[in-house]
Amino acid sequence: MLGFLTARQAGVDDPLRLRRVESTRRVLSLKLNPDRDVDRIHGNGINTIDIEAVEGRYMLSGGADGVIVIYDLENFGGKQQYTCKAVSTVGRSSRHVHKFSVETVQWYPYDTGMFISSSFDKTMKVWDTETLKPAEVFEFEGNVYNHHLSPIARKHSLIAVGTKNPKIQLCDLKSGSRIHVLQGHRAEVLSVRWSPRYEHILASASADSQVKVWDVRRASCSLLTLDQHNGDKSKASSEAVNTAHNGRVNGLCFSGDGLYLLTTGTDDRMRLWNSATGENTLVNYGKVCNESRKRLQFTVSRGCSPEFVFVPCGSSVAVYALHTGQLVTMLRGHYNNVDCCEFHPDYQELYSGGKDCNILAWVPVLRASDVEEESDSANKGAAEQPSVNPAFQDAWSSDED
C-alpha cells in the first residue's frame, strides 16, 4: 500500500489504480458487523432493498407483509456501535399500503424525493417520499414480479415492468400512462433490467427459459435472444428457440460498465454474457443454488479489480469473481433463506435481506495497523487534553518569526 501511495504522490500511477486496489481489499475483507444493526420493522420476509445513488445515505426495503421502510444509514453519534434507524414506514395502518407482497422497490435515480414500488397486488406505485402518498398508481392484469427505471436515462423516463403476462409493459413517468408493449416471451417475465451504459437497451428474463435484449426505440422484435450453446445446434436439443438456461430465469444484473450481463436460473447455474454480442462467455461458477419461484435480487461490485458478484444462496451470500467464476467466500449470518442483497459502492459495504425478517450489514474489516492507529490516537487525545479551547488558541504564523 505504501508503494501505491508513493507512486500516486509522485504522479507515476493514476489515482484510480490506488482506489481500485483499496476497494478490492475492502470487498475481500467483508464480514458481518456486530456493531451495526438495522431496525427490524418487517413482520415477514424481506424481498427487496435499494440504496439511493444521490447521497448513498438512505435505503429502501419491501417485504412480504406489503410494508415499505426507509432507513437512514448514517452514523451521526460517532460511536462504534449504532443502529440504522427506520425514518419512515408505509405500514399496515396506511390506507395506501400494498395489499400483498412487495416485490421490488427502487429510488428515483436523480432525487430522493421519489421512489417506486411494485407488488403482487397487481399495482406499481410512484411515491412522494415527503408525504408517503402515491403520486401515481399503475394497475396491471397480473402479479407484478419486477420493475426497473433506467439509472442513466436523460431522453426518456420509462419504467419497464415484468408481470405474469408475457408482454413487457413500458410505463412513462411523465405522462402517467402505459405507452408501449414488448412482445416475444411465452411465459411470465420475472426480471427486467435497463443497461447502465445505453439508455435505450433493456434486458428481460422469463419463466420460458429465455433472456432477451431489446432496443425500445425499435418497433420490431428483440435485438438478441441469448443462447447458452452459442449457436452450436449439436449441443442444443431439438427445440427451435434459443434458451439461456434449462429452467426459469429469475435473475438479471449488468456489470457496472454495462459490458456484461449476468443471469441466474432454477437450473442452479449462473451465466455471464457479452451484452453487445449476446455471446455466452462460458465462465463456470459451479452450482449456484436457486430455488426461488420469483425474482432473485443479486448484485455486482463496482470500482474493484477484479469485480465480484454477490448471490443469495440458501441462508448465505456467495461471493464469486466475475470473470473467473472462482468462489471467493460465503457470507453466513442469516437464519433463513436470503432473498436480496445490495452493494454500496461508496463504502464497499453489502446489505442483505432474507426470510428471517432481518437486514444484515456486511462491512470491510479494518487492517490491524488501522486499528492500532485509531486506539493510539484515542489514547493520546485522552492523555493530552488541551487546557485551552482549540477555538481560542492562537494559530497565527508569520514569516518574520
Protein backbone atom coordinates (compact mmCIF):
# COMPACT_ATOMS: atom_id res chain seq x y z
CA MET A 1 0.00 0.00 0.00
CA LEU A 2 2.88 2.39 0.78
CA GLY A 3 4.23 1.77 -2.71
CA PHE A 4 0.88 2.73 -4.24
CA LEU A 5 0.74 5.91 -2.12
CA THR A 6 4.28 6.91 -3.10
CA ALA A 7 3.59 6.27 -6.79
CA ARG A 8 0.42 8.34 -6.59
CA GLN A 9 2.20 11.25 -4.88
CA ALA A 10 4.99 11.15 -7.46
CA GLY A 11 2.48 11.09 -10.32
CA VAL A 12 3.75 7.74 -11.59
CA ASP A 13 0.40 5.96 -11.09
CA ASP A 14 -3.12 7.03 -11.88
CA PRO A 15 -5.04 7.74 -8.61
CA LEU A 16 -7.78 5.44 -9.93
CA ARG A 17 -5.40 2.48 -9.59
CA LEU A 18 -4.93 3.11 -5.86
CA ARG A 19 -8.67 3.47 -5.43
CA ARG A 20 -9.34 0.16 -7.19
CA VAL A 21 -6.74 -1.66 -5.09
CA GLU A 22 -8.21 -0.36 -1.83
CA SER A 23 -11.80 -1.06 -2.97
CA THR A 24 -10.82 -4.63 -3.85
CA ARG A 25 -9.12 -5.12 -0.49
CA ARG A 26 -12.23 -3.87 1.30
CA VAL A 27 -14.56 -6.21 -0.60
CA LEU A 28 -12.30 -9.19 0.11
CA SER A 29 -12.44 -8.43 3.84
CA LEU A 30 -16.23 -8.17 4.16
CA LYS A 31 -17.54 -9.52 7.48
CA LEU A 32 -20.81 -9.36 9.37
CA ASN A 33 -20.60 -6.22 11.51
CA PRO A 34 -21.61 -6.98 15.13
CA ASP A 35 -21.67 -3.25 15.93
CA ARG A 36 -24.19 -2.20 13.28
CA ASP A 37 -27.85 -3.16 13.49
CA VAL A 38 -30.72 -2.31 11.16
CA ASP A 39 -34.11 -1.65 12.75
CA ARG A 40 -36.30 -4.75 12.50
CA ILE A 41 -39.65 -3.49 11.22
CA HIS A 42 -40.90 -6.18 8.83
CA GLY A 43 -43.07 -8.95 10.20
CA ASN A 44 -42.40 -11.21 7.22
CA GLY A 45 -39.52 -11.89 4.83
CA ILE A 46 -37.70 -9.06 3.06
CA ASN A 47 -37.93 -9.39 -0.73
CA THR A 48 -36.11 -6.31 -1.98
CA ILE A 49 -33.77 -3.50 -0.91
CA ASP A 50 -32.32 -0.47 -2.70
CA ILE A 51 -29.77 2.22 -1.76
CA GLU A 52 -30.16 5.64 -3.33
CA ALA A 53 -27.29 6.87 -5.51
CA VAL A 54 -27.53 10.61 -4.76
CA GLU A 55 -26.09 10.65 -1.23
CA GLY A 56 -25.71 6.94 -0.56
CA ARG A 57 -27.42 7.54 2.74
CA TYR A 58 -30.99 6.18 2.55
CA MET A 59 -32.08 2.60 1.98
CA LEU A 60 -35.49 1.23 0.96
CA SER A 61 -36.83 -2.21 1.83
CA GLY A 62 -40.01 -4.02 0.78
CA GLY A 63 -41.40 -7.09 2.50
CA ALA A 64 -43.78 -9.98 2.04
CA ASP A 65 -46.10 -8.20 4.51
CA GLY A 66 -46.62 -5.36 2.00
CA VAL A 67 -44.72 -2.89 4.20
CA ILE A 68 -42.13 -0.42 2.82
CA VAL A 69 -39.44 1.05 5.11
CA ILE A 70 -36.93 3.88 4.61
CA TYR A 71 -33.72 3.61 6.67
CA ASP A 72 -31.03 6.18 7.41
CA LEU A 73 -27.61 4.50 7.16
CA GLU A 74 -25.69 7.50 8.53
CA ASN A 75 -23.90 7.20 11.87
CA PHE A 76 -24.47 10.61 13.47
CA GLY A 77 -23.39 9.66 17.00
CA GLY A 78 -19.85 8.78 16.01
CA LYS A 79 -19.99 5.70 18.24
CA GLN A 80 -18.69 2.38 17.01
CA GLN A 81 -21.93 0.62 17.87
CA TYR A 82 -25.09 2.06 16.35
CA THR A 83 -28.42 1.18 14.73
CA CYS A 84 -29.58 2.27 11.29
CA LYS A 85 -32.91 3.82 12.18
CA ALA A 86 -36.13 3.50 10.22
CA VAL A 87 -37.07 7.10 9.46
CA SER A 88 -40.34 6.42 7.59
CA THR A 89 -42.66 3.45 7.15
CA VAL A 90 -45.61 2.69 4.90
CA GLY A 91 -47.16 0.24 7.35
CA ARG A 92 -50.34 -1.79 7.54
CA SER A 93 -52.16 1.14 9.11
CA SER A 94 -51.68 3.30 5.98
CA ARG A 95 -54.57 3.27 3.53
CA HIS A 96 -52.04 3.46 0.67
CA VAL A 97 -50.10 0.33 1.69
CA HIS A 98 -49.76 -2.55 -0.78
CA LYS A 99 -52.28 -5.29 -0.07
CA PHE A 100 -49.85 -8.14 -0.84
CA SER A 101 -46.13 -8.82 -1.00
CA VAL A 102 -43.87 -6.00 -2.26
CA GLU A 103 -41.55 -7.49 -4.89
CA THR A 104 -39.43 -4.50 -5.95
CA VAL A 105 -38.56 -1.07 -4.54
CA GLN A 106 -36.37 1.45 -6.34
CA TRP A 107 -35.29 5.03 -5.68
CA TYR A 108 -35.67 7.62 -8.43
CA PRO A 109 -32.06 7.81 -9.71
CA TYR A 110 -31.67 11.60 -9.54
CA ASP A 111 -33.60 12.62 -6.44
CA THR A 112 -34.56 11.02 -3.12
CA GLY A 113 -37.91 12.80 -3.23
CA MET A 114 -39.48 9.90 -5.11
CA PHE A 115 -39.39 6.10 -5.14
CA ILE A 116 -41.29 3.33 -6.91
CA SER A 117 -42.69 0.04 -5.61
CA SER A 118 -44.44 -2.90 -7.25
CA SER A 119 -46.39 -5.72 -5.67
CA PHE A 120 -48.36 -8.93 -6.07
CA ASP A 121 -51.49 -6.81 -5.62
CA LYS A 122 -51.10 -6.10 -9.38
CA THR A 123 -50.08 -2.46 -8.90
CA MET A 124 -46.98 -0.30 -9.25
CA LYS A 125 -46.94 2.90 -7.21
CA VAL A 126 -44.86 6.06 -7.62
CA TRP A 127 -44.42 7.54 -4.12
CA ASP A 128 -43.75 11.04 -2.83
CA THR A 129 -41.09 10.49 -0.15
CA GLU A 130 -42.15 13.56 1.85
CA THR A 131 -45.83 12.68 2.23
CA LEU A 132 -45.55 8.87 1.76
CA LYS A 133 -48.53 9.02 -0.56
CA PRO A 134 -48.62 7.63 -4.13
CA ALA A 135 -48.42 10.33 -6.80
CA GLU A 136 -49.28 7.77 -9.48
CA VAL A 137 -50.67 4.22 -9.47
CA PHE A 138 -50.33 1.83 -12.42
CA GLU A 139 -52.64 -1.19 -12.43
CA PHE A 140 -51.98 -4.45 -14.27
CA GLU A 141 -53.87 -7.64 -15.06
CA GLY A 142 -51.47 -9.97 -13.23
CA ASN A 143 -48.95 -10.04 -10.39
CA VAL A 144 -46.02 -7.66 -10.84
CA TYR A 145 -42.72 -9.54 -10.43
CA ASN A 146 -40.29 -6.73 -11.13
CA HIS A 147 -39.89 -3.19 -12.44
CA HIS A 148 -36.85 -1.09 -13.27
CA LEU A 149 -36.18 2.57 -14.07
CA SER A 150 -33.04 3.38 -16.06
CA PRO A 151 -30.23 4.78 -13.85
CA ILE A 152 -28.77 6.90 -16.68
CA ALA A 153 -31.67 7.85 -18.99
CA ARG A 154 -31.94 11.53 -19.99
CA LYS A 155 -34.13 11.22 -23.08
CA HIS A 156 -36.88 9.06 -21.60
CA SER A 157 -38.48 8.27 -18.24
CA LEU A 158 -39.73 4.76 -18.98
CA ILE A 159 -40.30 2.13 -16.30
CA ALA A 160 -40.04 -1.44 -17.59
CA VAL A 161 -42.45 -3.79 -15.82
CA GLY A 162 -42.42 -7.59 -15.79
CA THR A 163 -45.73 -9.25 -14.85
CA LYS A 164 -47.50 -12.60 -15.07
CA ASN A 165 -48.38 -11.56 -18.61
CA PRO A 166 -45.62 -12.49 -21.13
CA LYS A 167 -45.73 -8.94 -22.53
CA ILE A 168 -43.31 -6.41 -21.03
CA GLN A 169 -45.07 -3.16 -20.17
CA LEU A 170 -43.35 0.22 -20.60
CA CYS A 171 -44.84 2.94 -18.39
CA ASP A 172 -44.00 6.62 -18.85
CA LEU A 173 -43.44 8.64 -15.66
CA LYS A 174 -44.09 11.93 -17.43
CA SER A 175 -47.47 11.07 -18.90
CA GLY A 176 -48.53 8.57 -16.24
CA SER A 177 -49.64 6.02 -18.82
CA ARG A 178 -48.54 2.76 -20.39
CA ILE A 179 -47.18 3.70 -23.79
CA HIS A 180 -45.61 0.56 -25.24
CA VAL A 181 -45.58 -3.25 -25.04
CA LEU A 182 -42.68 -5.58 -25.89
CA GLN A 183 -43.82 -8.99 -27.16
CA GLY A 184 -41.70 -12.11 -27.51
CA HIS A 185 -41.72 -14.10 -24.28
CA ARG A 186 -44.05 -17.07 -23.86
CA ALA A 187 -44.36 -17.06 -20.05
CA GLU A 188 -44.33 -14.60 -17.14
CA VAL A 189 -41.49 -12.07 -17.10
CA LEU A 190 -39.62 -12.46 -13.81
CA SER A 191 -36.93 -9.79 -14.16
CA VAL A 192 -36.22 -6.68 -16.26
CA ARG A 193 -33.09 -4.52 -16.25
CA TRP A 194 -32.00 -1.40 -18.12
CA SER A 195 -28.41 -1.18 -19.30
CA PRO A 196 -26.19 1.20 -17.25
CA ARG A 197 -24.34 2.02 -20.50
CA TYR A 198 -27.01 2.63 -23.16
CA GLU A 199 -30.28 4.21 -22.04
CA HIS A 200 -32.46 2.52 -24.66
CA ILE A 201 -31.22 -1.04 -24.08
CA LEU A 202 -33.34 -3.32 -21.88
CA ALA A 203 -32.83 -6.96 -20.83
CA SER A 204 -35.62 -9.28 -19.73
CA ALA A 205 -35.71 -12.76 -18.17
CA SER A 206 -38.67 -15.10 -18.22
CA ALA A 207 -40.01 -18.41 -16.95
CA ASP A 208 -39.81 -19.65 -20.58
CA SER A 209 -36.00 -20.09 -20.05
CA GLN A 210 -35.25 -17.16 -22.35
CA VAL A 211 -33.35 -13.91 -21.89
CA LYS A 212 -33.98 -11.18 -24.46
CA VAL A 213 -32.22 -7.88 -25.12
CA TRP A 214 -34.36 -5.06 -26.54
CA ASP A 215 -33.85 -1.63 -28.08
CA VAL A 216 -37.03 0.20 -27.05
CA ARG A 217 -36.70 2.64 -29.97
CA ARG A 218 -37.40 -0.20 -32.39
CA ALA A 219 -40.94 -1.36 -33.05
CA SER A 220 -39.80 -4.81 -34.20
CA CYS A 221 -38.85 -7.83 -32.08
CA SER A 222 -35.92 -8.08 -29.69
CA LEU A 223 -32.31 -7.43 -30.71
CA LEU A 224 -30.98 -10.66 -29.20
CA THR A 225 -32.24 -13.88 -27.66
CA LEU A 226 -29.37 -15.29 -25.62
CA ASP A 227 -28.30 -18.84 -26.46
CA GLN A 228 -26.40 -20.86 -23.85
CA HIS A 229 -24.86 -23.00 -26.63
CA ASN A 230 -23.65 -20.02 -28.71
CA GLY A 231 -25.39 -21.33 -31.83
CA ASP A 232 -23.95 -24.84 -31.66
CA LYS A 233 -27.03 -26.88 -32.60
CA SER A 234 -25.24 -30.18 -31.95
CA LYS A 235 -25.22 -29.37 -28.23
CA ALA A 236 -28.72 -27.96 -28.19
CA SER A 237 -31.86 -30.06 -28.09
CA SER A 238 -34.29 -30.27 -30.98
CA GLU A 239 -36.05 -27.11 -29.75
CA ALA A 240 -36.22 -24.32 -32.30
CA VAL A 241 -35.85 -21.48 -29.75
CA ASN A 242 -32.68 -20.32 -28.04
CA THR A 243 -32.61 -20.74 -24.27
CA ALA A 244 -30.32 -19.08 -21.73
CA HIS A 245 -30.96 -21.67 -19.00
CA ASN A 246 -32.60 -25.07 -18.63
CA GLY A 247 -35.13 -23.70 -16.15
CA ARG A 248 -36.86 -20.50 -15.14
CA VAL A 249 -34.59 -17.45 -15.49
CA ASN A 250 -35.26 -15.33 -12.43
CA GLY A 251 -32.23 -13.06 -12.05
CA LEU A 252 -30.62 -10.35 -14.19
CA CYS A 253 -27.78 -7.97 -13.42
CA PHE A 254 -25.47 -5.88 -15.62
CA SER A 255 -21.86 -5.30 -14.68
CA GLY A 256 -21.09 -1.74 -13.59
CA ASP A 257 -19.79 -0.74 -17.03
CA GLY A 258 -22.70 -2.42 -18.84
CA LEU A 259 -20.39 -4.58 -20.96
CA TYR A 260 -21.54 -7.85 -19.41
CA LEU A 261 -24.86 -9.32 -18.33
CA LEU A 262 -25.27 -11.92 -15.58
CA THR A 263 -28.25 -14.30 -15.41
CA THR A 264 -29.36 -16.88 -12.84
CA GLY A 265 -31.82 -19.73 -13.32
CA THR A 266 -33.51 -22.53 -11.44
CA ASP A 267 -31.13 -24.97 -13.18
CA ASP A 268 -28.67 -23.88 -10.43
CA ARG A 269 -26.47 -22.09 -12.94
CA MET A 270 -25.23 -18.52 -13.32
CA ARG A 271 -24.02 -17.35 -16.72
CA LEU A 272 -22.00 -14.34 -17.89
CA TRP A 273 -22.83 -12.88 -21.32
CA ASN A 274 -21.26 -10.29 -23.58
CA SER A 275 -24.07 -7.72 -23.65
CA ALA A 276 -23.11 -6.40 -27.11
CA THR A 277 -22.91 -9.71 -29.00
CA GLY A 278 -25.04 -11.95 -26.76
CA GLU A 279 -22.21 -14.49 -26.58
CA ASN A 280 -22.03 -16.87 -23.61
CA THR A 281 -18.56 -16.32 -22.12
CA LEU A 282 -18.68 -19.89 -20.69
CA VAL A 283 -17.41 -18.81 -17.25
CA ASN A 284 -18.07 -21.72 -14.88
CA TYR A 285 -19.41 -20.62 -11.48
CA GLY A 286 -20.24 -24.18 -10.44
CA LYS A 287 -23.56 -24.96 -8.77
CA VAL A 288 -25.37 -21.78 -7.70
CA CYS A 289 -28.32 -22.93 -5.58
CA ASN A 290 -31.52 -21.25 -6.74
CA GLU A 291 -34.94 -22.48 -5.68
CA SER A 292 -36.77 -19.16 -5.94
CA ARG A 293 -40.00 -19.13 -7.93
CA LYS A 294 -39.85 -15.32 -8.05
CA ARG A 295 -37.14 -12.81 -8.91
CA LEU A 296 -33.75 -13.23 -7.24
CA GLN A 297 -32.04 -9.92 -6.45
CA PHE A 298 -28.27 -10.22 -6.70
CA THR A 299 -25.64 -7.57 -7.31
CA VAL A 300 -22.17 -6.82 -8.71
CA SER A 301 -19.44 -4.76 -7.04
CA ARG A 302 -18.27 -1.52 -8.62
CA GLY A 303 -14.85 0.10 -8.62
CA CYS A 304 -12.92 -3.13 -7.94
CA SER A 305 -10.36 -5.02 -9.99
CA PRO A 306 -11.47 -7.75 -10.50
CA GLU A 307 -15.21 -7.28 -9.97
CA PHE A 308 -17.20 -9.57 -7.67
CA VAL A 309 -20.73 -10.99 -7.75
CA PHE A 310 -22.87 -11.35 -4.61
CA VAL A 311 -25.59 -14.02 -4.99
CA PRO A 312 -28.12 -15.23 -2.38
CA CYS A 313 -27.51 -18.95 -1.93
CA GLY A 314 -29.74 -20.56 0.68
CA SER A 315 -29.14 -18.83 4.02
CA SER A 316 -25.78 -17.44 2.82
CA VAL A 317 -24.48 -14.94 0.27
CA ALA A 318 -21.97 -16.43 -2.17
CA VAL A 319 -19.20 -14.15 -3.45
CA TYR A 320 -17.74 -15.01 -6.87
CA ALA A 321 -15.02 -13.44 -9.01
CA LEU A 322 -16.92 -12.11 -12.03
CA HIS A 323 -14.62 -13.18 -14.87
CA THR A 324 -13.06 -16.37 -13.48
CA GLY A 325 -16.04 -17.91 -11.70
CA GLN A 326 -13.98 -18.60 -8.56
CA LEU A 327 -15.97 -18.85 -5.32
CA VAL A 328 -14.20 -16.33 -3.08
CA THR A 329 -16.18 -16.78 0.14
CA MET A 330 -19.60 -17.47 1.66
CA LEU A 331 -21.08 -14.78 3.91
CA ARG A 332 -23.04 -16.59 6.64
CA GLY A 333 -25.25 -14.86 9.21
CA HIS A 334 -28.91 -15.22 8.25
CA TYR A 335 -31.14 -17.80 9.96
CA ASN A 336 -33.26 -18.42 6.85
CA ASN A 337 -33.05 -18.03 3.08
CA VAL A 338 -31.59 -14.79 1.70
CA ASP A 339 -33.81 -13.15 -0.95
CA CYS A 340 -31.94 -9.96 -1.84
CA CYS A 341 -28.63 -8.16 -1.50
CA GLU A 342 -27.43 -4.69 -2.48
CA PHE A 343 -23.87 -3.36 -2.80
CA HIS A 344 -22.98 0.11 -1.51
CA PRO A 345 -20.28 1.39 -3.93
CA ASP A 346 -19.31 4.42 -1.81
CA TYR A 347 -18.13 2.35 1.17
CA GLN A 348 -17.80 -1.16 -0.36
CA GLU A 349 -20.44 -2.46 2.02
CA LEU A 350 -23.13 -5.07 1.41
CA TYR A 351 -26.68 -5.24 2.78
CA SER A 352 -28.73 -8.43 2.60
CA GLY A 353 -32.35 -9.23 3.47
CA GLY A 354 -34.00 -12.58 3.98
CA LYS A 355 -36.94 -14.60 5.17
CA ASP A 356 -35.74 -14.24 8.78
CA CYS A 357 -37.03 -10.61 8.62
CA ASN A 358 -33.51 -9.24 9.18
CA ILE A 359 -31.35 -6.89 7.14
CA LEU A 360 -27.67 -7.56 7.81
CA ALA A 361 -24.76 -5.19 7.16
CA TRP A 362 -21.50 -6.69 5.85
CA VAL A 363 -18.64 -4.19 6.16
CA PRO A 364 -14.90 -4.28 5.44
CA VAL A 365 -12.67 -5.27 8.35
CA LEU A 366 -10.04 -2.69 9.25
CA ARG A 367 -6.40 -3.68 8.94
CA ALA A 368 -4.54 -4.29 12.23
CA SER A 369 -2.43 -1.18 11.62
CA ASP A 370 -5.57 0.95 11.21
CA VAL A 371 -6.98 -0.35 14.49
CA GLU A 372 -3.69 0.33 16.30
CA GLU A 373 -3.50 3.87 14.90
CA GLU A 374 -7.09 4.59 15.97
CA SER A 375 -6.51 3.31 19.52
CA ASP A 376 -3.19 5.19 19.79
CA SER A 377 -4.75 8.46 18.65
CA ALA A 378 -7.65 7.97 21.06
CA ASN A 379 -5.30 7.31 23.99
CA LYS A 380 -3.11 10.25 23.03
CA GLY A 381 -6.11 12.52 22.79
CA ALA A 382 -7.32 11.46 26.21
CA ALA A 383 -3.87 11.91 27.80
CA GLU A 384 -3.12 15.29 26.24
CA GLN A 385 -6.29 17.19 26.96
CA PRO A 386 -5.72 20.84 25.90
CA SER A 387 -6.12 23.36 28.72
CA VAL A 388 -7.43 25.98 26.27
CA ASN A 389 -10.40 25.51 23.99
CA PRO A 390 -8.98 24.98 20.45
CA ALA A 391 -11.33 27.65 19.14
CA PHE A 392 -9.49 30.28 21.22
CA GLN A 393 -5.94 29.08 20.63
CA ASP A 394 -3.60 31.41 18.75
CA ALA A 395 -2.84 29.85 15.34
CA TRP A 396 -1.07 32.96 13.96
CA SER A 397 2.12 32.41 11.99
CA SER A 398 4.47 34.89 10.34
CA ASP A 399 7.49 34.65 8.04
CA GLU A 400 9.33 37.07 10.32
CA ASP A 401 9.19 34.69 13.33
